[in-house]
Amino acid sequence: VTDEMFAEAEKEFPINTPKTKEAYYYRQIFDEM
């Protein structure tokens, strides 16, 4: 997860917005499935 991606976390994931890059990565995988 890049800094640019993480900066858009709230826009990308308005439900349960990830608070860390680790959480962001798991969320990306989840939303694919």
Full PDB file with SEQRES, HELIX, SHEET, SSBOND, CRYST1, ORIGX, SCALE, CONECT and MASTER records, all heavy atoms in Angstrom:
SEQRES   1 A   33  VAL THR ASP GLU MET PHE ALA GLU ALA GLU LYS GLU PHE          
SEQRES   2 A   33  PRO ILE ASN THR PRO LYS THR LYS GLU ALA TYR TYR TYR          
SEQRES   3 A   33  ARG GLN ILE PHE ASP GLU MET                                  
HELIX    1 AA1 ASP A    3  ALA A    7  1                                   5    
HELIX    2 AA2 ALA A    9  GLU A   12  1                                   4    
HELIX    3 AA3 LYS A   21  GLU A   32  1                                  12    
CRYST1    1.000    1.000    1.000  90.00  90.00  90.00 P 1           1          
ORIGX1      1.000000  0.000000  0.000000        0.00000                         
ORIGX2      0.000000  1.000000  0.000000        0.00000                         
ORIGX3      0.000000  0.000000  1.000000        0.00000                         
SCALE1      1.000000  0.000000  0.000000        0.00000                         
SCALE2      0.000000  1.000000  0.000000        0.00000                         
SCALE3      0.000000  0.000000  1.000000        0.00000                         
ATOM      1  N   VAL A   1       0.847  -1.191   0.000  1.00  0.00           N  
ATOM      2  CA  VAL A   1       0.000   0.000   0.000  1.00  0.00           C  
ATOM      3  C   VAL A   1       0.886   1.247   0.000  1.00  0.00           C  
ATOM      4  O   VAL A   1       1.678   1.449   0.915  1.00  0.00           O  
ATOM      5  CB  VAL A   1      -0.932   0.008   1.235  1.00  0.00           C  
ATOM      6  CG1 VAL A   1      -1.830   1.243   1.214  1.00  0.00           C  
ATOM      7  CG2 VAL A   1      -1.770  -1.271   1.283  1.00  0.00           C  
ATOM      8  N   THR A   2       0.725   2.080  -1.018  1.00  0.00           N  
ATOM      9  CA  THR A   2       1.508   3.310  -1.098  1.00  0.00           C  
ATOM     10  C   THR A   2       0.892   4.395  -0.214  1.00  0.00           C  
ATOM     11  O   THR A   2      -0.262   4.298   0.202  1.00  0.00           O  
ATOM     12  CB  THR A   2       1.560   3.835  -2.544  1.00  0.00           C  
ATOM     13  OG1 THR A   2       0.234   4.225  -2.943  1.00  0.00           O  
ATOM     14  CG2 THR A   2       2.088   2.761  -3.497  1.00  0.00           C  
ATOM     15  N   ASP A   3       1.671   5.434   0.043  1.00  0.00           N  
ATOM     16  CA  ASP A   3       1.166   6.560   0.823  1.00  0.00           C  
ATOM     17  C   ASP A   3      -0.028   7.208   0.123  1.00  0.00           C  
ATOM     18  O   ASP A   3      -0.994   7.622   0.775  1.00  0.00           O  
ATOM     19  CB  ASP A   3       2.270   7.606   1.022  1.00  0.00           C  
ATOM     20  CG  ASP A   3       3.385   7.102   1.935  1.00  0.00           C  
ATOM     21  OD1 ASP A   3       3.149   6.137   2.687  1.00  0.00           O  
ATOM     22  OD2 ASP A   3       4.493   7.679   1.885  1.00  0.00           O  
ATOM     23  N   GLU A   4       0.043   7.270  -1.204  1.00  0.00           N  
ATOM     24  CA  GLU A   4      -1.033   7.883  -1.976  1.00  0.00           C  
ATOM     25  C   GLU A   4      -2.327   7.062  -1.848  1.00  0.00           C  
ATOM     26  O   GLU A   4      -3.428   7.624  -1.705  1.00  0.00           O  
ATOM     27  CB  GLU A   4      -0.640   8.016  -3.448  1.00  0.00           C  
ATOM     28  CG  GLU A   4       0.486   9.006  -3.725  1.00  0.00           C  
ATOM     29  CD  GLU A   4       1.857   8.481  -3.338  1.00  0.00           C  
ATOM     30  OE1 GLU A   4       1.987   7.246  -3.133  1.00  0.00           O  
ATOM     31  OE2 GLU A   4       2.791   9.294  -3.226  1.00  0.00           O  
ATOM     32  N   MET A   5      -2.189   5.755  -1.914  1.00  0.00           N  
ATOM     33  CA  MET A   5      -3.362   4.895  -1.752  1.00  0.00           C  
ATOM     34  C   MET A   5      -3.968   5.054  -0.360  1.00  0.00           C  
ATOM     35  O   MET A   5      -5.189   5.197  -0.214  1.00  0.00           O  
ATOM     36  CB  MET A   5      -2.965   3.430  -1.980  1.00  0.00           C  
ATOM     37  CG  MET A   5      -2.555   3.100  -3.410  1.00  0.00           C  
ATOM     38  SD  MET A   5      -1.667   1.511  -3.538  1.00  0.00           S  
ATOM     39  CE  MET A   5      -2.921   0.366  -3.002  1.00  0.00           C  
ATOM     40  N   PHE A   6      -3.126   5.042   0.650  1.00  0.00           N  
ATOM     41  CA  PHE A   6      -3.619   5.111   2.027  1.00  0.00           C  
ATOM     42  C   PHE A   6      -4.284   6.452   2.318  1.00  0.00           C  
ATOM     43  O   PHE A   6      -5.234   6.519   3.104  1.00  0.00           O  
ATOM     44  CB  PHE A   6      -2.472   4.858   3.009  1.00  0.00           C  
ATOM     45  CG  PHE A   6      -2.920   4.679   4.421  1.00  0.00           C  
ATOM     46  CD1 PHE A   6      -3.773   3.643   4.777  1.00  0.00           C  
ATOM     47  CD2 PHE A   6      -2.509   5.557   5.412  1.00  0.00           C  
ATOM     48  CE1 PHE A   6      -4.207   3.488   6.082  1.00  0.00           C  
ATOM     49  CE2 PHE A   6      -2.935   5.409   6.718  1.00  0.00           C  
ATOM     50  CZ  PHE A   6      -3.784   4.368   7.062  1.00  0.00           C  
ATOM     51  N   ALA A   7      -3.809   7.511   1.666  1.00  0.00           N  
ATOM     52  CA  ALA A   7      -4.401   8.837   1.867  1.00  0.00           C  
ATOM     53  C   ALA A   7      -5.848   8.877   1.390  1.00  0.00           C  
ATOM     54  O   ALA A   7      -6.642   9.712   1.839  1.00  0.00           O  
ATOM     55  CB  ALA A   7      -3.565   9.897   1.140  1.00  0.00           C  
ATOM     56  N   GLU A   8      -6.203   7.978   0.456  1.00  0.00           N  
ATOM     57  CA  GLU A   8      -7.565   7.930  -0.081  1.00  0.00           C  
ATOM     58  C   GLU A   8      -8.405   6.839   0.582  1.00  0.00           C  
ATOM     59  O   GLU A   8      -9.455   6.459   0.059  1.00  0.00           O  
ATOM     60  CB  GLU A   8      -7.502   7.669  -1.589  1.00  0.00           C  
ATOM     61  CG  GLU A   8      -6.773   8.736  -2.388  1.00  0.00           C  
ATOM     62  CD  GLU A   8      -7.541  10.044  -2.372  1.00  0.00           C  
ATOM     63  OE1 GLU A   8      -8.777  10.001  -2.545  1.00  0.00           O  
ATOM     64  OE2 GLU A   8      -6.909  11.100  -2.180  1.00  0.00           O  
ATOM     65  N   ALA A   9      -7.952   6.346   1.729  1.00  0.00           N  
ATOM     66  CA  ALA A   9      -8.621   5.203   2.372  1.00  0.00           C  
ATOM     67  C   ALA A   9     -10.087   5.478   2.678  1.00  0.00           C  
ATOM     68  O   ALA A   9     -10.955   4.637   2.427  1.00  0.00           O  
ATOM     69  CB  ALA A   9      -7.881   4.820   3.653  1.00  0.00           C  
ATOM     70  N   GLU A  10     -10.392   6.647   3.183  1.00  0.00           N  
ATOM     71  CA  GLU A  10     -11.775   6.946   3.553  1.00  0.00           C  
ATOM     72  C   GLU A  10     -12.682   7.020   2.336  1.00  0.00           C  
ATOM     73  O   GLU A  10     -13.839   6.599   2.376  1.00  0.00           O  
ATOM     74  CB  GLU A  10     -11.835   8.249   4.340  1.00  0.00           C  
ATOM     75  CG  GLU A  10     -13.196   8.508   4.956  1.00  0.00           C  
ATOM     76  CD  GLU A  10     -13.175   9.641   5.954  1.00  0.00           C  
ATOM     77  OE1 GLU A  10     -12.102  10.226   6.185  1.00  0.00           O  
ATOM     78  OE2 GLU A  10     -14.248   9.947   6.503  1.00  0.00           O  
ATOM     79  N   LYS A  11     -12.150   7.550   1.245  1.00  0.00           N  
ATOM     80  CA  LYS A  11     -12.926   7.619   0.019  1.00  0.00           C  
ATOM     81  C   LYS A  11     -13.112   6.227  -0.596  1.00  0.00           C  
ATOM     82  O   LYS A  11     -14.191   5.888  -1.099  1.00  0.00           O  
ATOM     83  CB  LYS A  11     -12.231   8.540  -0.983  1.00  0.00           C  
ATOM     84  CG  LYS A  11     -13.007   8.759  -2.273  1.00  0.00           C  
ATOM     85  CD  LYS A  11     -12.212   9.598  -3.266  1.00  0.00           C  
ATOM     86  CE  LYS A  11     -11.910  10.981  -2.716  1.00  0.00           C  
ATOM     87  NZ  LYS A  11     -11.213  11.829  -3.725  1.00  0.00           N  
ATOM     88  N   GLU A  12     -12.058   5.417  -0.543  1.00  0.00           N  
ATOM     89  CA  GLU A  12     -12.098   4.081  -1.134  1.00  0.00           C  
ATOM     90  C   GLU A  12     -12.951   3.125  -0.308  1.00  0.00           C  
ATOM     91  O   GLU A  12     -13.678   2.294  -0.851  1.00  0.00           O  
ATOM     92  CB  GLU A  12     -10.669   3.530  -1.256  1.00  0.00           C  
ATOM     93  CG  GLU A  12     -10.569   2.179  -1.935  1.00  0.00           C  
ATOM     94  CD  GLU A  12     -10.837   2.236  -3.422  1.00  0.00           C  
ATOM     95  OE1 GLU A  12     -10.824   3.347  -3.997  1.00  0.00           O  
ATOM     96  OE2 GLU A  12     -11.070   1.162  -4.013  1.00  0.00           O  
ATOM     97  N   PHE A  13     -12.859   3.256   1.017  1.00  0.00           N  
ATOM     98  CA  PHE A  13     -13.558   2.326   1.908  1.00  0.00           C  
ATOM     99  C   PHE A  13     -14.317   3.111   2.983  1.00  0.00           C  
ATOM    100  O   PHE A  13     -13.871   3.205   4.135  1.00  0.00           O  
ATOM    101  CB  PHE A  13     -12.566   1.368   2.573  1.00  0.00           C  
ATOM    102  CG  PHE A  13     -11.714   0.589   1.614  1.00  0.00           C  
ATOM    103  CD1 PHE A  13     -10.345   0.820   1.538  1.00  0.00           C  
ATOM    104  CD2 PHE A  13     -12.270  -0.368   0.781  1.00  0.00           C  
ATOM    105  CE1 PHE A  13      -9.549   0.109   0.656  1.00  0.00           C  
ATOM    106  CE2 PHE A  13     -11.482  -1.093  -0.103  1.00  0.00           C  
ATOM    107  CZ  PHE A  13     -10.115  -0.855  -0.169  1.00  0.00           C  
ATOM    108  N   PRO A  14     -15.465   3.671   2.647  1.00  0.00           N  
ATOM    109  CA  PRO A  14     -16.208   4.480   3.633  1.00  0.00           C  
ATOM    110  C   PRO A  14     -16.771   3.656   4.787  1.00  0.00           C  
ATOM    111  O   PRO A  14     -17.010   4.193   5.868  1.00  0.00           O  
ATOM    112  CB  PRO A  14     -17.332   5.102   2.800  1.00  0.00           C  
ATOM    113  CG  PRO A  14     -17.469   4.220   1.602  1.00  0.00           C  
ATOM    114  CD  PRO A  14     -16.104   3.691   1.314  1.00  0.00           C  
ATOM    115  N   ILE A  15     -16.977   2.366   4.580  1.00  0.00           N  
ATOM    116  CA  ILE A  15     -17.446   1.481   5.647  1.00  0.00           C  
ATOM    117  C   ILE A  15     -16.227   0.874   6.332  1.00  0.00           C  
ATOM    118  O   ILE A  15     -15.382   0.255   5.683  1.00  0.00           O  
ATOM    119  CB  ILE A  15     -18.344   0.358   5.081  1.00  0.00           C  
ATOM    120  CG1 ILE A  15     -19.584   0.952   4.414  1.00  0.00           C  
ATOM    121  CG2 ILE A  15     -18.746  -0.620   6.185  1.00  0.00           C  
ATOM    122  CD1 ILE A  15     -20.414  -0.071   3.663  1.00  0.00           C  
ATOM    123  N   ASN A  16     -16.121   1.040   7.647  1.00  0.00           N  
ATOM    124  CA  ASN A  16     -14.975   0.502   8.394  1.00  0.00           C  
ATOM    125  C   ASN A  16     -13.649   0.910   7.745  1.00  0.00           C  
ATOM    126  O   ASN A  16     -12.816   0.061   7.396  1.00  0.00           O  
ATOM    127  CB  ASN A  16     -15.051  -1.026   8.496  1.00  0.00           C  
ATOM    128  CG  ASN A  16     -16.033  -1.498   9.541  1.00  0.00           C  
ATOM    129  OD1 ASN A  16     -16.400  -0.755  10.448  1.00  0.00           O  
ATOM    130  ND2 ASN A  16     -16.472  -2.732   9.423  1.00  0.00           N  
ATOM    131  N   THR A  17     -13.426   2.179   7.577  1.00  0.00           N  
ATOM    132  CA  THR A  17     -12.219   2.679   6.919  1.00  0.00           C  
ATOM    133  C   THR A  17     -10.962   2.136   7.591  1.00  0.00           C  
ATOM    134  O   THR A  17     -10.819   2.238   8.818  1.00  0.00           O  
ATOM    135  CB  THR A  17     -12.183   4.218   6.961  1.00  0.00           C  
ATOM    136  OG1 THR A  17     -13.368   4.723   6.343  1.00  0.00           O  
ATOM    137  CG2 THR A  17     -10.968   4.751   6.223  1.00  0.00           C  
ATOM    138  N   PRO A  18     -10.036   1.535   6.835  1.00  0.00           N  
ATOM    139  CA  PRO A  18      -8.792   1.004   7.421  1.00  0.00           C  
ATOM    140  C   PRO A  18      -7.973   2.108   8.080  1.00  0.00           C  
ATOM    141  O   PRO A  18      -7.828   3.200   7.528  1.00  0.00           O  
ATOM    142  CB  PRO A  18      -8.054   0.419   6.216  1.00  0.00           C  
ATOM    143  CG  PRO A  18      -9.095   0.227   5.161  1.00  0.00           C  
ATOM    144  CD  PRO A  18     -10.120   1.282   5.387  1.00  0.00           C  
ATOM    145  N   LYS A  19      -7.417   1.784   9.245  1.00  0.00           N  
ATOM    146  CA  LYS A  19      -6.625   2.758   9.990  1.00  0.00           C  
ATOM    147  C   LYS A  19      -5.124   2.564   9.814  1.00  0.00           C  
ATOM    148  O   LYS A  19      -4.326   3.400  10.247  1.00  0.00           O  
ATOM    149  CB  LYS A  19      -6.971   2.673  11.486  1.00  0.00           C  
ATOM    150  CG  LYS A  19      -8.444   2.900  11.797  1.00  0.00           C  
ATOM    151  CD  LYS A  19      -8.923   4.264  11.338  1.00  0.00           C  
ATOM    152  CE  LYS A  19     -10.386   4.486  11.707  1.00  0.00           C  
ATOM    153  NZ  LYS A  19     -10.903   5.779  11.194  1.00  0.00           N  
ATOM    154  N   THR A  20      -4.725   1.450   9.219  1.00  0.00           N  
ATOM    155  CA  THR A  20      -3.311   1.181   8.958  1.00  0.00           C  
ATOM    156  C   THR A  20      -3.163   0.618   7.551  1.00  0.00           C  
ATOM    157  O   THR A  20      -4.137   0.146   6.952  1.00  0.00           O  
ATOM    158  CB  THR A  20      -2.734   0.158   9.955  1.00  0.00           C  
ATOM    159  OG1 THR A  20      -3.378  -1.116   9.742  1.00  0.00           O  
ATOM    160  CG2 THR A  20      -2.942   0.605  11.397  1.00  0.00           C  
ATOM    161  N   LYS A  21      -1.942   0.641   7.034  1.00  0.00           N  
ATOM    162  CA  LYS A  21      -1.701   0.067   5.711  1.00  0.00           C  
ATOM    163  C   LYS A  21      -1.927  -1.444   5.722  1.00  0.00           C  
ATOM    164  O   LYS A  21      -2.393  -2.018   4.731  1.00  0.00           O  
ATOM    165  CB  LYS A  21      -0.285   0.389   5.254  1.00  0.00           C  
ATOM    166  CG  LYS A  21      -0.064   1.851   4.869  1.00  0.00           C  
ATOM    167  CD  LYS A  21       1.329   2.065   4.303  1.00  0.00           C  
ATOM    168  CE  LYS A  21       1.508   3.503   3.827  1.00  0.00           C  
ATOM    169  NZ  LYS A  21       2.861   3.738   3.253  1.00  0.00           N  
ATOM    170  N   GLU A  22      -1.604  -2.089   6.824  1.00  0.00           N  
ATOM    171  CA  GLU A  22      -1.858  -3.524   6.935  1.00  0.00           C  
ATOM    172  C   GLU A  22      -3.349  -3.805   6.768  1.00  0.00           C  
ATOM    173  O   GLU A  22      -3.753  -4.688   5.998  1.00  0.00           O  
ATOM    174  CB  GLU A  22      -1.373  -4.043   8.293  1.00  0.00           C  
ATOM    175  CG  GLU A  22      -1.635  -5.528   8.496  1.00  0.00           C  
ATOM    176  CD  GLU A  22      -1.357  -5.988   9.919  1.00  0.00           C  
ATOM    177  OE1 GLU A  22      -1.157  -5.125  10.809  1.00  0.00           O  
ATOM    178  OE2 GLU A  22      -1.363  -7.212  10.154  1.00  0.00           O  
ATOM    179  N   ALA A  23      -4.184  -3.040   7.471  1.00  0.00           N  
ATOM    180  CA  ALA A  23      -5.634  -3.214   7.374  1.00  0.00           C  
ATOM    181  C   ALA A  23      -6.139  -2.904   5.969  1.00  0.00           C  
ATOM    182  O   ALA A  23      -7.055  -3.561   5.461  1.00  0.00           O  
ATOM    183  CB  ALA A  23      -6.333  -2.313   8.394  1.00  0.00           C  
ATOM    184  N   TYR A  24      -5.548  -1.909   5.326  1.00  0.00           N  
ATOM    185  CA  TYR A  24      -5.924  -1.527   3.964  1.00  0.00           C  
ATOM    186  C   TYR A  24      -5.693  -2.693   2.996  1.00  0.00           C  
ATOM    187  O   TYR A  24      -6.535  -2.986   2.139  1.00  0.00           O  
ATOM    188  CB  TYR A  24      -5.098  -0.309   3.545  1.00  0.00           C  
ATOM    189  CG  TYR A  24      -5.520   0.365   2.256  1.00  0.00           C  
ATOM    190  CD1 TYR A  24      -6.183   1.588   2.286  1.00  0.00           C  
ATOM    191  CD2 TYR A  24      -5.234  -0.199   1.010  1.00  0.00           C  
ATOM    192  CE1 TYR A  24      -6.569   2.219   1.094  1.00  0.00           C  
ATOM    193  CE2 TYR A  24      -5.609   0.428  -0.171  1.00  0.00           C  
ATOM    194  CZ  TYR A  24      -6.269   1.635  -0.121  1.00  0.00           C  
ATOM    195  OH  TYR A  24      -6.639   2.256  -1.290  1.00  0.00           O  
ATOM    196  N   TYR A  25      -4.571  -3.356   3.138  1.00  0.00           N  
ATOM    197  CA  TYR A  25      -4.232  -4.466   2.246  1.00  0.00           C  
ATOM    198  C   TYR A  25      -5.235  -5.613   2.379  1.00  0.00           C  
ATOM    199  O   TYR A  25      -5.736  -6.143   1.378  1.00  0.00           O  
ATOM    200  CB  TYR A  25      -2.823  -4.958   2.560  1.00  0.00           C  
ATOM    201  CG  TYR A  25      -2.377  -6.141   1.743  1.00  0.00           C  
ATOM    202  CD1 TYR A  25      -2.354  -6.089   0.348  1.00  0.00           C  
ATOM    203  CD2 TYR A  25      -1.967  -7.323   2.362  1.00  0.00           C  
ATOM    204  CE1 TYR A  25      -1.932  -7.176  -0.410  1.00  0.00           C  
ATOM    205  CE2 TYR A  25      -1.548  -8.412   1.613  1.00  0.00           C  
ATOM    206  CZ  TYR A  25      -1.533  -8.338   0.232  1.00  0.00           C  
ATOM    207  OH  TYR A  25      -1.124  -9.419  -0.508  1.00  0.00           O  
ATOM    208  N   TYR A  26      -5.575  -5.982   3.605  1.00  0.00           N  
ATOM    209  CA  TYR A  26      -6.554  -7.056   3.809  1.00  0.00           C  
ATOM    210  C   TYR A  26      -7.920  -6.654   3.247  1.00  0.00           C  
ATOM    211  O   TYR A  26      -8.639  -7.477   2.678  1.00  0.00           O  
ATOM    212  CB  TYR A  26      -6.690  -7.404   5.291  1.00  0.00           C  
ATOM    213  CG  TYR A  26      -5.410  -7.792   5.979  1.00  0.00           C  
ATOM    214  CD1 TYR A  26      -5.219  -7.554   7.340  1.00  0.00           C  
ATOM    215  CD2 TYR A  26      -4.363  -8.405   5.285  1.00  0.00           C  
ATOM    216  CE1 TYR A  26      -4.052  -7.904   7.986  1.00  0.00           C  
ATOM    217  CE2 TYR A  26      -3.180  -8.755   5.922  1.00  0.00           C  
ATOM    218  CZ  TYR A  26      -3.035  -8.496   7.275  1.00  0.00           C  
ATOM    219  OH  TYR A  26      -1.866  -8.840   7.910  1.00  0.00           O  
ATOM    220  N   ARG A  27      -8.240  -5.382   3.400  1.00  0.00           N  
ATOM    221  CA  ARG A  27      -9.521  -4.904   2.908  1.00  0.00           C  
ATOM    222  C   ARG A  27      -9.590  -4.953   1.380  1.00  0.00           C  
ATOM    223  O   ARG A  27     -10.644  -5.279   0.803  1.00  0.00           O  
ATOM    224  CB  ARG A  27      -9.756  -3.473   3.393  1.00  0.00           C  
ATOM    225  CG  ARG A  27     -11.101  -2.881   2.981  1.00  0.00           C  
ATOM    226  CD  ARG A  27     -12.287  -3.706   3.525  1.00  0.00           C  
ATOM    227  NE  ARG A  27     -13.546  -3.091   3.155  1.00  0.00           N  
ATOM    228  CZ  ARG A  27     -14.110  -2.075   3.807  1.00  0.00           C  
ATOM    229  NH1 ARG A  27     -13.523  -1.571   4.892  1.00  0.00           N  
ATOM    230  NH2 ARG A  27     -15.244  -1.576   3.401  1.00  0.00           N  
ATOM    231  N   GLN A  28      -8.491  -4.646   0.725  1.00  0.00           N  
ATOM    232  CA  GLN A  28      -8.459  -4.748  -0.738  1.00  0.00           C  
ATOM    233  C   GLN A  28      -8.779  -6.164  -1.196  1.00  0.00           C  
ATOM    234  O   GLN A  28      -9.573  -6.373  -2.116  1.00  0.00           O  
ATOM    235  CB  GLN A  28      -7.075  -4.347  -1.263  1.00  0.00           C  
ATOM    236  CG  GLN A  28      -6.777  -2.867  -1.267  1.00  0.00           C  
ATOM    237  CD  GLN A  28      -5.396  -2.598  -1.830  1.00  0.00           C  
ATOM    238  OE1 GLN A  28      -4.397  -3.181  -1.396  1.00  0.00           O  
ATOM    239  NE2 GLN A  28      -5.328  -1.713  -2.808  1.00  0.00           N  
ATOM    240  N   ILE A  29      -8.161  -7.136  -0.563  1.00  0.00           N  
ATOM    241  CA  ILE A  29      -8.377  -8.537  -0.927  1.00  0.00           C  
ATOM    242  C   ILE A  29      -9.827  -8.927  -0.656  1.00  0.00           C  
ATOM    243  O   ILE A  29     -10.478  -9.583  -1.480  1.00  0.00           O  
ATOM    244  CB  ILE A  29      -7.412  -9.446  -0.140  1.00  0.00           C  
ATOM    245  CG1 ILE A  29      -5.951  -9.123  -0.500  1.00  0.00           C  
ATOM    246  CG2 ILE A  29      -7.712 -10.912  -0.416  1.00  0.00           C  
ATOM    247  CD1 ILE A  29      -4.938  -9.830   0.367  1.00  0.00           C  
ATOM    248  N   PHE A  30     -10.332  -8.524   0.493  1.00  0.00           N  
ATOM    249  CA  PHE A  30     -11.718  -8.852   0.863  1.00  0.00           C  
ATOM    250  C   PHE A  30     -12.705  -8.311  -0.163  1.00  0.00           C  
ATOM    251  O   PHE A  30     -13.617  -9.022  -0.605  1.00  0.00           O  
ATOM    252  CB  PHE A  30     -12.022  -8.283   2.247  1.00  0.00           C  
ATOM    253  CG  PHE A  30     -13.437  -8.510   2.707  1.00  0.00           C  
ATOM    254  CD1 PHE A  30     -13.768  -9.642   3.427  1.00  0.00           C  
ATOM    255  CD2 PHE A  30     -14.442  -7.587   2.434  1.00  0.00           C  
ATOM    256  CE1 PHE A  30     -15.075  -9.857   3.859  1.00  0.00           C  
ATOM    257  CE2 PHE A  30     -15.749  -7.786   2.853  1.00  0.00           C  
ATOM    258  CZ  PHE A  30     -16.063  -8.926   3.576  1.00  0.00           C  
ATOM    259  N   ASP A  31     -12.521  -7.057  -0.558  1.00  0.00           N  
ATOM    260  CA  ASP A  31     -13.481  -6.442  -1.479  1.00  0.00           C  
ATOM    261  C   ASP A  31     -13.440  -7.056  -2.874  1.00  0.00           C  
ATOM    262  O   ASP A  31     -14.426  -7.002  -3.605  1.00  0.00           O  
ATOM    263  CB  ASP A  31     -13.229  -4.931  -1.561  1.00  0.00           C  
ATOM    264  CG  ASP A  31     -13.939  -4.179  -0.448  1.00  0.00           C  
ATOM    265  OD1 ASP A  31     -14.176  -4.796   0.616  1.00  0.00           O  
ATOM    266  OD2 ASP A  31     -14.252  -2.991  -0.619  1.00  0.00           O  
ATOM    267  N   GLU A  32     -12.307  -7.645  -3.248  1.00  0.00           N  
ATOM    268  CA  GLU A  32     -12.245  -8.373  -4.517  1.00  0.00           C  
ATOM    269  C   GLU A  32     -13.151  -9.597  -4.473  1.00  0.00           C  
ATOM    270  O   GLU A  32     -13.800  -9.945  -5.466  1.00  0.00           O  
ATOM    271  CB  GLU A  32     -10.813  -8.822  -4.797  1.00  0.00           C  
ATOM    272  CG  GLU A  32      -9.838  -7.704  -5.118  1.00  0.00           C  
ATOM    273  CD  GLU A  32      -8.408  -8.214  -5.198  1.00  0.00           C  
ATOM    274  OE1 GLU A  32      -8.232  -9.453  -5.280  1.00  0.00           O  
ATOM    275  OE2 GLU A  32      -7.477  -7.395  -5.152  1.00  0.00           O  
ATOM    276  N   MET A  33     -13.197 -10.248  -3.314  1.00  0.00           N  
ATOM    277  CA  MET A  33     -13.948 -11.493  -3.176  1.00  0.00           C  
ATOM    278  C   MET A  33     -15.404 -11.272  -2.766  1.00  0.00           C  
ATOM    279  O   MET A  33     -16.293 -12.023  -3.152  1.00  0.00           O  
ATOM    280  CB  MET A  33     -13.269 -12.382  -2.129  1.00  0.00           C  
ATOM    281  CG  MET A  33     -11.842 -12.757  -2.461  1.00  0.00           C  
ATOM    282  SD  MET A  33     -11.063 -13.601  -1.066  1.00  0.00           S  
ATOM    283  CE  MET A  33      -9.456 -13.983  -1.769  1.00  0.00           C  
TER     284      MET A  33                                                      
MASTER        0    0    0    3    0    0    0    6  283    1    0    3          
END                                                                             
